[in-house]
């Protein structure tokens, strides 16, 4: 059984149970169980189980299992397993596996594997494998592999390819002039649209899927979308709650008289929502091709516009 009071000198062999109070000097061999209060000085060898509270001074070798709370100072070598909470200061060498939460400060060397969440600050050197999500601030040096957000290409490449394609749909000068309906539609498509269409996505035959979506966005911005009685875009098209609120305020259905009796799909979603443009309120697409068939607004019978859009001359 352990002593009630610590001895003036440490024991040569450890006791089967930990002391209630720490000794003034560390033991030569660690005890089989951790003490309730950490030692003032670390032992030469780590305990088989971590202590409830971290040591004031780190041990020369890391523990086999991480402690519940991070140490005030990092150990000379990284732990075999990461702690649940990151250390205040980074270790001199990266951990073999990432921590569950990123460190407040970057390590001097990159991790072997990326963390689940990006670090607030970039590391001085790039990681071997790119992060799943980008950091808020770019790294000093580029990574050896590029970050792919969507479409198996960089964000810049996606922007370039979609913009080049839309230059054949709208006047390039108008398309790239800030404030025009065409430019607003382009920027929404590239930066805000949660559907994230890719340059090689096709739905309506002959044209990439983003062309039809772009044309509908141009219609929205050209007709003072946001001031309509119904079906306005959400105040934040990236917020699912705001989108749901906007959808609830849209009841316009493109179900007017159709003399051609074409099978269509339609809906009452708010405009610029992440759903297919065919489901936006007042729109109807052909069921067999998903090409836009008509836009219907108004209270009177037959008060609707039937579309026959030449995408190359819009």
Protein backbone atom coordinates (compact mmCIF):
# COMPACT_ATOMS: atom_id res chain seq x y z
CA UNK A 1 0.00 0.00 0.00
CA UNK A 2 1.29 3.50 -0.66
CA UNK A 3 2.58 5.82 2.06
CA UNK A 4 0.28 8.56 3.30
CA UNK A 5 3.13 11.09 3.13
CA UNK A 6 5.88 11.15 0.52
CA UNK A 7 9.40 10.06 1.46
CA UNK A 8 12.37 12.43 1.26
CA UNK A 9 13.90 10.26 -1.46
CA UNK A 10 12.16 8.23 -4.14
CA UNK A 11 11.80 4.45 -3.88
CA UNK A 12 14.05 2.20 -5.94
CA UNK A 13 11.07 0.08 -7.00
CA UNK A 14 7.59 1.43 -7.70
CA UNK A 15 4.64 0.62 -5.41
CA UNK A 16 1.61 -1.28 -6.71
CA UNK A 17 -0.64 1.74 -6.10
CA UNK A 18 0.17 5.42 -6.62
CA UNK A 19 1.01 7.81 -3.78
CA UNK A 20 -1.60 10.27 -2.59
CA UNK A 21 0.93 13.09 -2.72
CA UNK A 22 3.90 13.36 -5.05
CA UNK A 23 7.47 12.94 -3.85
CA UNK A 24 9.99 15.79 -4.09
CA UNK A 25 12.00 13.82 -6.64
CA UNK A 26 10.78 11.48 -9.36
CA UNK A 27 10.97 7.70 -9.03
CA UNK A 28 13.51 5.75 -11.04
CA UNK A 29 10.76 3.43 -12.30
CA UNK A 30 7.18 4.53 -12.95
CA UNK A 31 4.27 3.12 -10.97
CA UNK A 32 1.73 0.81 -12.64
CA UNK A 33 -1.00 3.44 -12.19
CA UNK A 34 -0.77 7.22 -12.42
CA UNK A 35 -0.82 9.40 -9.36
CA UNK A 36 -3.83 11.64 -8.66
CA UNK A 37 -1.58 14.71 -8.66
CA UNK A 38 1.22 15.10 -11.18
CA UNK A 39 4.85 15.11 -10.06
CA UNK A 40 6.77 18.35 -9.90
CA UNK A 41 9.46 16.73 -12.02
CA UNK A 42 8.87 14.13 -14.72
CA UNK A 43 9.98 10.51 -14.44
CA UNK A 44 12.71 9.21 -16.72
CA UNK A 45 10.23 6.75 -18.26
CA UNK A 46 6.58 7.42 -19.06
CA UNK A 47 3.72 5.78 -17.15
CA UNK A 48 1.81 2.92 -18.78
CA UNK A 49 -1.35 5.00 -18.36
CA UNK A 50 -1.64 8.78 -18.67
CA UNK A 51 -2.26 10.98 -15.67
CA UNK A 52 -5.54 12.83 -15.21
CA UNK A 53 -3.72 16.17 -15.34
CA UNK A 54 -0.71 16.99 -17.50
CA UNK A 55 2.76 17.44 -16.03
CA UNK A 56 4.10 20.97 -15.60
CA UNK A 57 7.27 19.89 -17.39
CA UNK A 58 7.05 17.34 -20.23
CA UNK A 59 8.71 13.94 -20.04
CA UNK A 60 11.68 13.11 -22.23
CA UNK A 61 9.69 10.36 -23.98
CA UNK A 62 6.01 10.56 -24.94
CA UNK A 63 3.28 8.52 -23.24
CA UNK A 64 1.90 5.43 -25.01
CA UNK A 65 -1.61 6.88 -24.73
CA UNK A 66 -2.51 10.58 -24.80
CA UNK A 67 -3.56 12.49 -21.72
CA UNK A 68 -7.10 13.85 -21.35
CA UNK A 69 -5.75 17.41 -21.47
CA UNK A 70 -2.80 18.71 -23.47
CA UNK A 71 0.52 19.50 -21.81
CA UNK A 72 1.45 23.12 -21.20
CA UNK A 73 4.72 22.52 -23.01
CA UNK A 74 5.14 20.05 -25.90
CA UNK A 75 7.23 16.91 -25.60
CA UNK A 76 10.48 16.52 -27.51
CA UNK A 77 8.92 13.79 -29.62
CA UNK A 78 5.31 13.46 -30.76
CA UNK A 79 2.83 11.12 -29.08
CA UNK A 80 2.00 7.78 -30.69
CA UNK A 81 -1.65 8.85 -30.71
CA UNK A 82 -2.90 12.44 -30.94
CA UNK A 83 -4.64 14.18 -28.07
CA UNK A 84 -8.31 15.11 -28.35
CA UNK A 85 -7.46 18.76 -27.71
CA UNK A 86 -4.48 20.32 -29.49
CA UNK A 87 -1.44 21.58 -27.58
CA UNK A 88 -1.05 25.32 -27.05
CA UNK A 89 2.37 25.10 -28.69
CA UNK A 90 3.21 22.73 -31.54
CA UNK A 91 5.60 19.80 -31.09
CA UNK A 92 9.02 19.92 -32.70
CA UNK A 93 8.02 17.03 -34.96
CA UNK A 94 4.57 16.35 -36.46
CA UNK A 95 2.30 13.61 -35.14
CA UNK A 96 1.95 10.40 -37.16
CA UNK A 97 -1.83 10.98 -37.19
CA UNK A 98 -3.63 14.34 -37.13
CA UNK A 99 -5.44 15.67 -34.07
CA UNK A 100 -9.22 15.86 -34.06
CA UNK A 101 -9.06 19.66 -33.82
CA UNK A 102 -6.36 21.69 -35.60
CA UNK A 103 -3.59 23.31 -33.57
CA UNK A 104 -3.77 27.01 -32.80
CA UNK A 105 -0.27 27.49 -34.18
CA UNK A 106 1.24 25.56 -37.09
CA UNK A 107 3.98 22.99 -36.59
CA UNK A 108 7.45 23.59 -37.97
CA UNK A 109 7.02 20.61 -40.28
CA UNK A 110 3.85 19.55 -42.11
CA UNK A 111 1.77 16.58 -40.98
CA UNK A 112 2.01 13.30 -42.87
CA UNK A 113 -1.77 13.26 -43.28
CA UNK A 114 -4.14 16.26 -43.41
CA UNK A 115 -6.48 17.04 -40.53
CA UNK A 116 -10.25 16.85 -40.92
CA UNK A 117 -10.50 20.63 -40.60
CA UNK A 118 -8.13 23.25 -41.96
CA UNK A 119 -5.77 25.09 -39.62
CA UNK A 120 -6.42 28.80 -38.95
CA UNK A 121 -2.81 29.46 -39.93
CA UNK A 122 -0.82 27.71 -42.67
CA UNK A 123 2.30 25.68 -41.94
CA UNK A 124 5.67 26.96 -43.08
CA UNK A 125 5.98 24.02 -45.45
CA UNK A 126 3.25 22.34 -47.51
CA UNK A 127 1.71 19.02 -46.53
CA UNK A 128 2.46 15.91 -48.57
CA UNK A 129 -1.27 15.30 -49.10
CA UNK A 130 -3.56 18.33 -49.64
CA UNK A 131 -6.22 19.19 -47.06
CA UNK A 132 -9.84 18.26 -47.70
CA UNK A 133 -10.77 21.91 -47.23
CA UNK A 134 -8.50 24.90 -47.89
CA UNK A 135 -7.04 27.08 -45.14
CA UNK A 136 -8.27 30.64 -44.65
CA UNK A 137 -4.78 31.98 -45.39
CA UNK A 138 -2.61 30.49 -48.14
CA UNK A 139 0.61 28.62 -47.38
CA UNK A 140 3.98 30.27 -47.89
CA UNK A 141 4.92 27.51 -50.31
CA UNK A 142 2.54 25.57 -52.59
CA UNK A 143 1.65 21.95 -51.88
CA UNK A 144 3.02 19.22 -54.13
CA UNK A 145 -0.53 18.25 -55.11
CA UNK A 146 -3.25 20.82 -55.94
CA UNK A 147 -6.45 21.09 -53.91
CA UNK A 148 -9.49 19.89 -55.86
CA UNK A 149 -12.74 21.39 -54.63
CA UNK A 150 -15.15 20.17 -57.31
CA UNK A 151 -15.26 18.81 -60.84
CA UNK A 152 -11.81 17.20 -60.45
CA UNK A 153 -10.22 20.56 -61.24
CA UNK A 154 -9.11 23.68 -59.45
CA UNK A 155 -11.52 26.51 -58.78
CA UNK A 156 -9.57 28.70 -61.20
CA UNK A 157 -9.78 26.13 -64.00
CA UNK A 158 -13.53 25.71 -63.50
CA UNK A 159 -14.01 29.49 -63.63
CA UNK A 160 -11.94 29.76 -66.81
CA UNK A 161 -13.76 27.00 -68.69
CA UNK A 162 -17.28 28.14 -67.74
CA UNK A 163 -16.50 31.79 -68.49
CA UNK A 164 -15.03 30.94 -71.89
CA UNK A 165 -18.12 28.90 -72.79
CA UNK A 166 -20.52 31.67 -71.71
CA UNK A 167 -18.66 34.18 -73.90
CA UNK A 168 -20.36 32.37 -76.80
CA UNK A 169 -23.75 32.86 -75.15
CA UNK A 170 -23.56 36.51 -74.09
CA UNK A 171 -21.52 39.44 -75.37
CA UNK A 172 -18.09 38.97 -73.72
CA UNK A 173 -17.85 42.66 -72.80
CA UNK A 174 -21.28 42.63 -71.16
CA UNK A 175 -20.55 39.30 -69.47
CA UNK A 176 -17.40 40.64 -67.80
CA UNK A 177 -18.74 44.10 -66.89
CA UNK A 178 -19.55 44.23 -63.16
CA UNK A 179 -23.15 45.10 -62.33
CA UNK A 180 -24.76 43.79 -65.53
CA UNK A 181 -27.37 41.02 -65.21
CA UNK A 182 -25.05 38.76 -67.22
CA UNK A 183 -22.12 39.38 -64.87
CA UNK A 184 -24.30 38.94 -61.77
CA UNK A 185 -25.53 35.62 -63.18
CA UNK A 186 -21.96 34.54 -63.97
CA UNK A 187 -20.65 35.37 -60.49
CA UNK A 188 -23.63 33.68 -58.84
CA UNK A 189 -23.05 30.56 -60.94
CA UNK A 190 -19.34 30.43 -60.10
CA UNK A 191 -19.27 31.57 -56.48
CA UNK A 192 -22.68 31.08 -54.84
CA UNK A 193 -24.64 28.38 -56.65
CA UNK A 194 -24.62 25.32 -54.37
CA UNK A 195 -25.46 23.05 -57.31
CA UNK A 196 -21.83 23.49 -58.46
CA UNK A 197 -22.28 22.46 -62.09
CA UNK A 198 -19.14 21.35 -63.92
CA UNK A 199 -17.98 22.37 -67.41
CA UNK A 200 -18.60 18.86 -68.75
CA UNK A 201 -22.05 18.37 -67.17
CA UNK A 202 -24.75 18.00 -69.82
CA UNK A 203 -28.51 17.85 -69.33
CA UNK A 204 -30.35 19.64 -72.13
CA UNK A 205 -28.89 18.21 -75.39
CA UNK A 206 -26.30 20.27 -77.29
CA UNK A 207 -25.49 22.53 -74.35
CA UNK A 208 -23.68 22.14 -71.00
CA UNK A 209 -26.09 22.12 -68.06
CA UNK A 210 -24.74 25.43 -66.72
CA UNK A 211 -25.81 27.35 -69.87
CA UNK A 212 -29.55 26.94 -69.28
CA UNK A 213 -29.08 27.70 -65.58
CA UNK A 214 -27.09 30.81 -66.46
CA UNK A 215 -29.83 32.03 -68.85
CA UNK A 216 -32.46 31.65 -66.12
CA UNK A 217 -30.24 33.59 -63.70
CA UNK A 218 -29.86 36.37 -66.29
CA UNK A 219 -33.67 36.48 -66.58
CA UNK A 220 -33.90 36.79 -62.78
CA UNK A 221 -31.41 39.66 -62.52
CA UNK A 222 -32.81 41.39 -65.64
CA UNK A 223 -36.32 41.51 -64.18
CA UNK A 224 -35.32 42.93 -60.79
CA UNK A 225 -35.36 39.57 -59.07
CA UNK A 226 -35.59 40.16 -55.35
CA UNK A 227 -38.55 42.53 -55.74
CA UNK A 228 -41.03 39.99 -57.10
CA UNK A 229 -44.23 39.22 -55.22
CA UNK A 230 -43.19 35.56 -54.94
CA UNK A 231 -40.33 33.14 -55.56
CA UNK A 232 -37.50 35.59 -54.84
CA UNK A 233 -34.10 34.08 -54.16
CA UNK A 234 -33.21 33.46 -50.52
CA UNK A 235 -31.45 36.27 -48.68
CA UNK A 236 -28.53 33.85 -48.35
CA UNK A 237 -28.57 31.17 -51.06
CA UNK A 238 -25.83 29.28 -49.16
CA UNK A 239 -27.94 28.95 -45.99
CA UNK A 240 -30.31 25.92 -46.12
CA UNK A 241 -32.66 27.52 -43.58
CA UNK A 242 -32.97 30.71 -45.63
CA UNK A 243 -33.51 28.67 -48.82
CA UNK A 244 -36.28 26.67 -47.11
CA UNK A 245 -37.91 29.90 -45.96
CA UNK A 246 -37.78 31.30 -49.51
CA UNK A 247 -39.19 28.05 -50.94
CA UNK A 248 -42.17 28.33 -48.57
CA UNK A 249 -42.88 31.77 -50.07
CA UNK A 250 -43.16 30.45 -53.63
CA UNK A 251 -46.44 29.05 -54.99
CA UNK A 252 -46.24 29.91 -58.69
CA UNK A 253 -46.58 26.76 -60.82
CA UNK A 254 -46.10 26.62 -64.59
CA UNK A 255 -49.30 24.65 -65.17
CA UNK A 256 -51.07 26.88 -67.67
CA UNK A 257 -52.79 25.70 -70.84
CA UNK A 258 -50.33 23.92 -73.14
CA UNK A 259 -51.71 23.44 -76.65
CA UNK A 260 -48.80 21.11 -77.50
CA UNK A 261 -49.53 18.81 -74.52
CA UNK A 262 -45.85 18.31 -73.73
CA UNK A 263 -44.93 16.30 -70.63
CA UNK A 264 -43.02 18.62 -68.30
CA UNK A 265 -41.47 18.67 -64.85
CA UNK A 266 -42.02 21.70 -62.65
CA UNK A 267 -41.92 22.86 -59.05
CA UNK A 268 -42.32 25.78 -56.68
CA UNK A 269 -38.80 26.26 -55.40
CA UNK A 270 -37.41 29.76 -55.00
CA UNK A 271 -35.21 31.08 -57.79
CA UNK A 272 -31.43 30.61 -57.53
CA UNK A 273 -32.00 27.75 -55.06
CA UNK A 274 -29.68 24.70 -55.21
CA UNK A 275 -32.36 22.57 -56.89
CA UNK A 276 -32.65 22.16 -60.66
CA UNK A 277 -33.81 25.31 -62.41
CA UNK A 278 -36.64 23.18 -63.81
CA UNK A 279 -38.12 23.18 -60.29
CA UNK A 280 -38.00 26.94 -59.73
CA UNK A 281 -41.43 28.53 -59.42
CA UNK A 282 -43.01 29.41 -62.77
CA UNK A 283 -40.63 27.28 -64.86
CA UNK A 284 -41.29 24.05 -66.72
CA UNK A 285 -38.83 21.76 -68.52
CA UNK A 286 -39.51 19.04 -71.04
CA UNK A 287 -39.60 15.75 -69.23
CA UNK A 288 -37.62 13.88 -71.89
CA UNK A 289 -34.75 16.35 -72.38
CA UNK A 290 -34.80 18.65 -69.31
CA UNK A 291 -34.66 21.58 -71.74
CA UNK A 292 -36.54 24.69 -70.64
CA UNK A 293 -40.05 24.74 -72.15
CA UNK A 294 -41.69 27.83 -70.71
CA UNK A 295 -41.89 30.52 -68.02
CA UNK A 296 -45.32 31.31 -66.60
CA UNK A 297 -46.16 34.35 -64.47
CA UNK A 298 -49.44 36.24 -64.07
CA UNK A 299 -52.99 35.75 -62.84
CA UNK A 300 -54.82 35.53 -66.15
CA UNK A 301 -55.34 32.44 -68.30
CA UNK A 302 -52.72 32.05 -71.01
CA UNK A 303 -50.70 34.93 -69.49
CA UNK A 304 -47.39 33.20 -69.86
CA UNK A 305 -44.29 33.26 -72.02
CA UNK A 306 -43.39 30.21 -74.08
CA UNK A 307 -39.64 29.97 -74.51
CA UNK A 308 -37.80 29.00 -77.64
CA UNK A 309 -34.36 30.21 -76.64
CA UNK A 310 -31.51 30.19 -79.12
CA UNK A 311 -28.69 29.80 -76.60
CA UNK A 312 -26.13 31.00 -79.13
CA UNK A 313 -27.80 34.40 -79.53
CA UNK A 314 -28.83 35.26 -76.01
